[in-house]
Amino acid sequence: MTAKHLHRVLIYGTLLLAACFFLAPLYVMLATSFKDAEQIRTGNLLSLPHGLNVESWLTAWSTACTGVDCRGLQPYFMNSVAIAVPAVLISTAWGAINGYVLSMWKFKGSELLFGFMLFGVFMPFQVVLLPMSQVLGYLGLSSSLAGLILVHCIAGLAGTTLFFRNYYTAIPKELVNAARIDGAGFWRIFIRIVVPMSIPILMVTLIWQFTNIWNDFLFGVAFSGADSKPITVGLNNMANTTSSVKSYNVDMAAALIAGLPTMLVYILAGQYFVKGLTAGAVKG
């Protein structure tokens, strides 16, 4: 074996070990979710299930469980869908318009305004919990899905603006200037020229925002009501329910159900995410 082949074997061997290390928890969760209580008691974490027992998945999805405010994940899942879809679309569109203005229609103080908006990227969200709860109370949106949508739109606005603004600075200004000379206005330039060139960064922002909103727990537990809790809060309630016998298979199935949408998004659209990043999403 030559030195080149040995070097390649070491690289792929290291990558394989790293992949096994990071995928081990996912394997344990998946295997445990298909085991019954007897297999969990007598077996070990790495043993394969004797069969595909889907009873734990059905229990995690729709069957009520014991404990305070603990139900199957179905209502929480639908709440997360109702929150994530409009919040992702609104915050992405809002960030695209902001980035368009701050990069191509600059005005006096635009750079200062952009600098202030960047504080939202680095500010810990715990800081805004109290003022945000007061604002939601004034607007009559406390403990509602609409309130959570508004919170996520505002929380994600700084990041989406940063993505689009840095991407749009790479677009040749000659295109916009030529459109202005031809009589195109603000919205026509944005819709006809800028948006068709924004597909890579649109994919990055949509995936990024969906992941952040779907996996959010802080805002969900702070601003939701009894009928508006997202799936992360529902998963926490199910995992912490008091029971004489701990149902690890149900907990593992519930965790997989909660994480399935984001996993599917990255599996189906992960290549677009990488392409969008390399196309300028983190430049500037």
Protein backbone atom coordinates (compact mmCIF):
# COMPACT_ATOMS: atom_id res chain seq x y z
CA MET A 1 0.00 0.00 0.00
CA THR A 2 1.41 3.34 -1.04
CA ALA A 3 1.60 6.38 1.19
CA LYS A 4 -1.18 8.03 -0.83
CA HIS A 5 -3.51 5.06 -0.35
CA LEU A 6 -2.65 4.84 3.35
CA HIS A 7 -3.41 8.54 3.77
CA ARG A 8 -6.80 8.06 2.08
CA VAL A 9 -7.62 5.05 4.25
CA LEU A 10 -6.81 7.03 7.39
CA ILE A 11 -8.99 9.92 6.26
CA TYR A 12 -12.01 7.75 5.41
CA GLY A 13 -11.50 5.64 8.51
CA THR A 14 -11.52 8.75 10.70
CA LEU A 15 -14.63 10.08 8.96
CA LEU A 16 -16.37 6.71 9.38
CA LEU A 17 -15.59 6.63 13.10
CA ALA A 18 -16.82 10.20 13.51
CA ALA A 19 -20.04 9.37 11.64
CA CYS A 20 -20.63 6.30 13.82
CA PHE A 21 -20.00 8.36 16.95
CA PHE A 22 -22.49 11.06 16.01
CA LEU A 23 -25.11 8.66 14.63
CA ALA A 24 -24.99 6.33 17.65
CA PRO A 25 -27.60 8.30 19.65
CA LEU A 26 -29.93 8.33 16.64
CA TYR A 27 -29.54 4.57 16.27
CA VAL A 28 -30.28 4.02 19.98
CA MET A 29 -33.39 6.20 19.75
CA LEU A 30 -34.65 4.44 16.64
CA ALA A 31 -33.97 0.93 17.96
CA THR A 32 -35.51 1.67 21.36
CA SER A 33 -38.65 3.16 19.79
CA PHE A 34 -39.43 -0.21 18.16
CA LYS A 35 -38.85 -2.29 21.30
CA ASP A 36 -41.46 -3.30 23.83
CA ALA A 37 -41.04 -2.90 27.58
CA GLU A 38 -39.71 -6.44 28.04
CA GLN A 39 -36.97 -5.97 25.43
CA ILE A 40 -35.90 -2.72 27.06
CA ARG A 41 -35.63 -4.35 30.49
CA THR A 42 -33.76 -7.46 29.38
CA GLY A 43 -31.73 -6.14 26.45
CA ASN A 44 -29.13 -3.42 26.05
CA LEU A 45 -29.05 -0.08 24.28
CA LEU A 46 -27.35 -1.35 21.13
CA SER A 47 -29.40 -4.50 20.63
CA LEU A 48 -31.73 -4.65 17.65
CA PRO A 49 -35.50 -4.86 18.26
CA HIS A 50 -37.09 -8.28 17.75
CA GLY A 51 -39.62 -6.73 15.40
CA LEU A 52 -41.09 -3.45 14.24
CA ASN A 53 -43.40 -2.69 17.14
CA VAL A 54 -45.18 0.56 16.20
CA GLU A 55 -47.35 0.70 19.32
CA SER A 56 -44.99 3.19 20.99
CA TRP A 57 -45.17 5.44 17.90
CA LEU A 58 -48.97 5.40 17.96
CA THR A 59 -48.96 6.14 21.69
CA ALA A 60 -46.54 9.02 21.28
CA TRP A 61 -48.59 10.49 18.44
CA SER A 62 -52.18 10.38 19.56
CA THR A 63 -52.82 8.65 22.88
CA ALA A 64 -53.28 10.75 26.00
CA CYS A 65 -50.75 10.12 28.75
CA THR A 66 -50.84 10.68 32.48
CA GLY A 67 -49.50 13.79 34.11
CA VAL A 68 -50.27 17.49 34.09
CA ASP A 69 -51.06 18.95 30.65
CA CYS A 70 -49.70 15.91 28.85
CA ARG A 71 -51.27 14.58 25.67
CA GLY A 72 -50.12 12.83 22.55
CA LEU A 73 -47.94 14.87 20.21
CA GLN A 74 -50.56 15.33 17.51
CA PRO A 75 -52.01 18.67 18.74
CA TYR A 76 -48.55 20.01 19.53
CA PHE A 77 -47.30 18.95 16.10
CA MET A 78 -50.13 20.77 14.36
CA ASN A 79 -49.49 23.85 16.51
CA SER A 80 -45.85 23.87 15.41
CA VAL A 81 -46.90 23.60 11.77
CA ALA A 82 -49.35 26.49 12.24
CA ILE A 83 -46.58 28.56 13.83
CA ALA A 84 -43.59 27.63 11.67
CA VAL A 85 -45.07 27.94 8.18
CA PRO A 86 -46.37 31.54 8.37
CA ALA A 87 -43.49 32.70 10.59
CA VAL A 88 -40.89 31.34 8.16
CA LEU A 89 -42.59 32.87 5.12
CA ILE A 90 -43.20 36.27 6.74
CA SER A 91 -39.73 36.63 8.30
CA THR A 92 -38.06 35.53 5.05
CA ALA A 93 -40.05 37.97 2.91
CA TRP A 94 -39.53 40.75 5.45
CA GLY A 95 -35.78 40.09 5.60
CA ALA A 96 -35.55 40.03 1.79
CA ILE A 97 -37.17 43.46 1.54
CA ASN A 98 -34.94 44.85 4.30
CA GLY A 99 -31.82 43.44 2.67
CA TYR A 100 -32.90 44.85 -0.69
CA VAL A 101 -33.39 48.34 0.76
CA LEU A 102 -30.19 48.34 2.81
CA SER A 103 -28.02 47.15 -0.09
CA MET A 104 -29.50 48.81 -3.21
CA TRP A 105 -31.62 51.75 -2.01
CA LYS A 106 -29.33 53.17 0.62
CA PHE A 107 -30.33 56.33 2.44
CA LYS A 108 -28.77 58.55 5.05
CA GLY A 109 -28.22 56.50 8.19
CA SER A 110 -28.85 53.12 6.48
CA GLU A 111 -25.50 51.72 7.60
CA LEU A 112 -26.17 52.83 11.17
CA LEU A 113 -29.63 51.24 11.05
CA PHE A 114 -28.13 48.00 9.75
CA GLY A 115 -25.57 48.07 12.56
CA PHE A 116 -28.33 48.43 15.16
CA MET A 117 -30.24 45.55 13.55
CA LEU A 118 -27.19 43.34 13.93
CA PHE A 119 -27.59 43.57 17.70
CA GLY A 120 -30.56 41.26 17.27
CA VAL A 121 -28.29 38.52 15.92
CA PHE A 122 -26.11 38.47 19.04
CA MET A 123 -28.66 39.41 21.71
CA PRO A 124 -29.72 36.50 23.96
CA PHE A 125 -33.45 35.94 23.64
CA GLN A 126 -33.87 35.72 27.41
CA VAL A 127 -33.39 39.50 27.50
CA VAL A 128 -36.58 40.16 25.51
CA LEU A 129 -38.91 37.76 27.35
CA LEU A 130 -40.38 40.35 29.74
CA PRO A 131 -40.83 43.25 27.26
CA MET A 132 -42.15 40.87 24.62
CA SER A 133 -44.74 39.46 27.03
CA GLN A 134 -45.87 43.01 27.80
CA VAL A 135 -46.17 43.85 24.09
CA LEU A 136 -48.19 40.70 23.45
CA GLY A 137 -50.46 41.65 26.34
CA TYR A 138 -51.03 45.12 24.92
CA LEU A 139 -51.86 43.63 21.52
CA GLY A 140 -54.18 41.00 22.98
CA LEU A 141 -52.06 38.16 21.58
CA SER A 142 -50.91 36.52 24.80
CA SER A 143 -50.94 32.72 24.85
CA SER A 144 -52.00 32.48 21.22
CA LEU A 145 -50.60 31.06 18.00
CA ALA A 146 -50.68 34.52 16.42
CA GLY A 147 -48.56 35.85 19.28
CA LEU A 148 -45.96 33.14 18.79
CA ILE A 149 -45.88 33.83 15.05
CA LEU A 150 -45.24 37.52 15.74
CA VAL A 151 -42.49 36.70 18.24
CA HIS A 152 -40.68 34.40 15.81
CA CYS A 153 -40.98 36.91 12.97
CA ILE A 154 -39.39 39.65 15.08
CA ALA A 155 -36.75 37.34 16.56
CA GLY A 156 -35.68 36.09 13.14
CA LEU A 157 -35.76 39.44 11.36
CA ALA A 158 -32.17 40.41 12.21
CA GLY A 159 -30.78 37.15 10.87
CA THR A 160 -32.82 37.13 7.67
CA THR A 161 -31.93 40.77 6.99
CA LEU A 162 -28.23 39.97 7.46
CA PHE A 163 -28.43 37.02 5.05
CA PHE A 164 -30.19 38.94 2.28
CA ARG A 165 -28.28 42.19 2.68
CA ASN A 166 -24.89 40.47 2.41
CA TYR A 167 -26.09 38.43 -0.57
CA TYR A 168 -27.53 41.42 -2.43
CA THR A 169 -24.31 43.42 -2.11
CA ALA A 170 -22.76 40.96 -4.60
CA ILE A 171 -25.44 41.66 -7.25
CA PRO A 172 -24.07 44.08 -9.89
CA LYS A 173 -25.45 47.55 -9.31
CA GLU A 174 -25.53 48.07 -13.10
CA LEU A 175 -28.61 45.84 -13.32
CA VAL A 176 -30.55 47.98 -10.89
CA ASN A 177 -29.34 51.22 -12.44
CA ALA A 178 -30.31 50.04 -15.93
CA ALA A 179 -33.77 49.10 -14.68
CA ARG A 180 -34.16 52.53 -13.09
CA ILE A 181 -33.21 54.21 -16.37
CA ASP A 182 -35.86 52.11 -18.14
CA GLY A 183 -38.46 53.40 -15.71
CA ALA A 184 -38.74 50.41 -13.34
CA GLY A 185 -39.69 51.30 -9.79
CA PHE A 186 -38.87 49.88 -6.37
CA TRP A 187 -41.19 46.87 -6.43
CA ARG A 188 -40.76 45.99 -10.11
CA ILE A 189 -36.97 45.84 -9.74
CA PHE A 190 -37.36 43.72 -6.62
CA ILE A 191 -39.85 41.25 -8.11
CA ARG A 192 -38.55 41.04 -11.68
CA ILE A 193 -34.77 41.26 -11.13
CA VAL A 194 -33.76 40.69 -7.51
CA VAL A 195 -36.08 37.87 -6.46
CA PRO A 196 -35.23 35.56 -9.42
CA MET A 197 -31.54 35.95 -8.50
CA SER A 198 -32.24 35.18 -4.83
CA ILE A 199 -33.06 31.45 -5.03
CA PRO A 200 -29.85 30.27 -3.26
CA ILE A 201 -30.21 32.66 -0.34
CA LEU A 202 -33.97 32.04 -0.19
CA MET A 203 -33.32 28.33 0.35
CA VAL A 204 -30.74 29.06 3.04
CA THR A 205 -33.05 31.43 4.89
CA LEU A 206 -36.10 29.18 4.65
CA ILE A 207 -34.20 26.16 5.98
CA TRP A 208 -32.47 28.22 8.67
CA GLN A 209 -35.66 29.84 9.88
CA PHE A 210 -37.67 26.63 9.81
CA THR A 211 -35.04 24.85 11.89
CA ASN A 212 -34.85 27.65 14.46
CA ILE A 213 -38.61 28.03 14.79
CA TRP A 214 -39.45 24.33 14.83
CA ASN A 215 -36.79 23.56 17.46
CA ASP A 216 -37.56 26.57 19.64
CA PHE A 217 -38.45 25.83 23.24
CA LEU A 218 -37.86 29.13 25.05
CA PHE A 219 -40.53 31.19 23.29
CA GLY A 220 -42.87 28.21 23.18
CA VAL A 221 -42.82 27.65 26.91
CA ALA A 222 -42.87 31.38 27.76
CA PHE A 223 -45.59 32.69 25.44
CA SER A 224 -47.88 29.75 24.68
CA GLY A 225 -51.17 28.86 26.29
CA ALA A 226 -52.85 25.54 26.98
CA ASP A 227 -53.96 25.17 23.34
CA SER A 228 -51.01 26.81 21.59
CA LYS A 229 -47.99 24.90 22.87
CA PRO A 230 -45.48 23.84 20.14
CA ILE A 231 -44.13 20.34 19.81
CA THR A 232 -40.97 21.02 21.83
CA VAL A 233 -43.09 21.89 24.85
CA GLY A 234 -45.32 18.87 24.24
CA LEU A 235 -42.26 16.62 24.05
CA ASN A 236 -40.96 18.03 27.32
CA ASN A 237 -44.33 17.45 29.01
CA MET A 238 -44.49 13.89 27.75
CA ALA A 239 -40.93 13.05 28.80
CA ASN A 240 -41.40 14.51 32.29
CA THR A 241 -44.79 12.98 33.04
CA THR A 242 -45.00 11.14 36.33
CA SER A 243 -45.57 7.43 35.88
CA SER A 244 -44.84 4.30 37.87
CA VAL A 245 -43.07 2.77 34.86
CA LYS A 246 -40.99 4.90 32.53
CA SER A 247 -41.89 4.24 28.88
CA TYR A 248 -38.56 4.84 27.18
CA ASN A 249 -39.82 3.48 23.86
CA VAL A 250 -42.63 6.05 23.81
CA ASP A 251 -40.22 8.86 24.73
CA MET A 252 -37.81 7.85 21.96
CA ALA A 253 -40.61 7.63 19.41
CA ALA A 254 -41.89 11.05 20.49
CA ALA A 255 -38.41 12.57 20.14
CA LEU A 256 -38.07 11.13 16.63
CA ILE A 257 -41.50 12.46 15.65
CA ALA A 258 -40.53 15.91 16.93
CA GLY A 259 -37.25 15.90 15.00
CA LEU A 260 -38.52 14.28 11.82
CA PRO A 261 -39.57 17.47 9.95
CA THR A 262 -36.17 19.14 10.33
CA MET A 263 -34.37 15.94 9.39
CA LEU A 264 -36.50 15.63 6.25
CA VAL A 265 -35.85 19.27 5.36
CA TYR A 266 -32.09 18.80 5.50
CA ILE A 267 -32.23 15.45 3.69
CA LEU A 268 -34.37 16.81 0.85
CA ALA A 269 -32.97 20.35 0.62
CA GLY A 270 -29.55 20.10 2.25
CA GLN A 271 -27.74 20.48 -1.06
CA TYR A 272 -29.49 23.81 -1.68
CA PHE A 273 -28.48 24.95 1.80
CA VAL A 274 -24.80 24.28 1.07
CA LYS A 275 -25.03 25.90 -2.37
CA GLY A 276 -26.67 28.96 -0.88
CA LEU A 277 -23.99 29.35 1.75
CA THR A 278 -21.20 29.10 -0.78
CA ALA A 279 -23.03 31.52 -3.07
CA GLY A 280 -22.67 34.36 -0.61
CA ALA A 281 -24.98 33.83 2.35
CA VAL A 282 -22.21 34.43 4.87
CA LYS A 283 -20.20 36.97 2.91
CA GLY A 284 -19.96 40.66 3.62
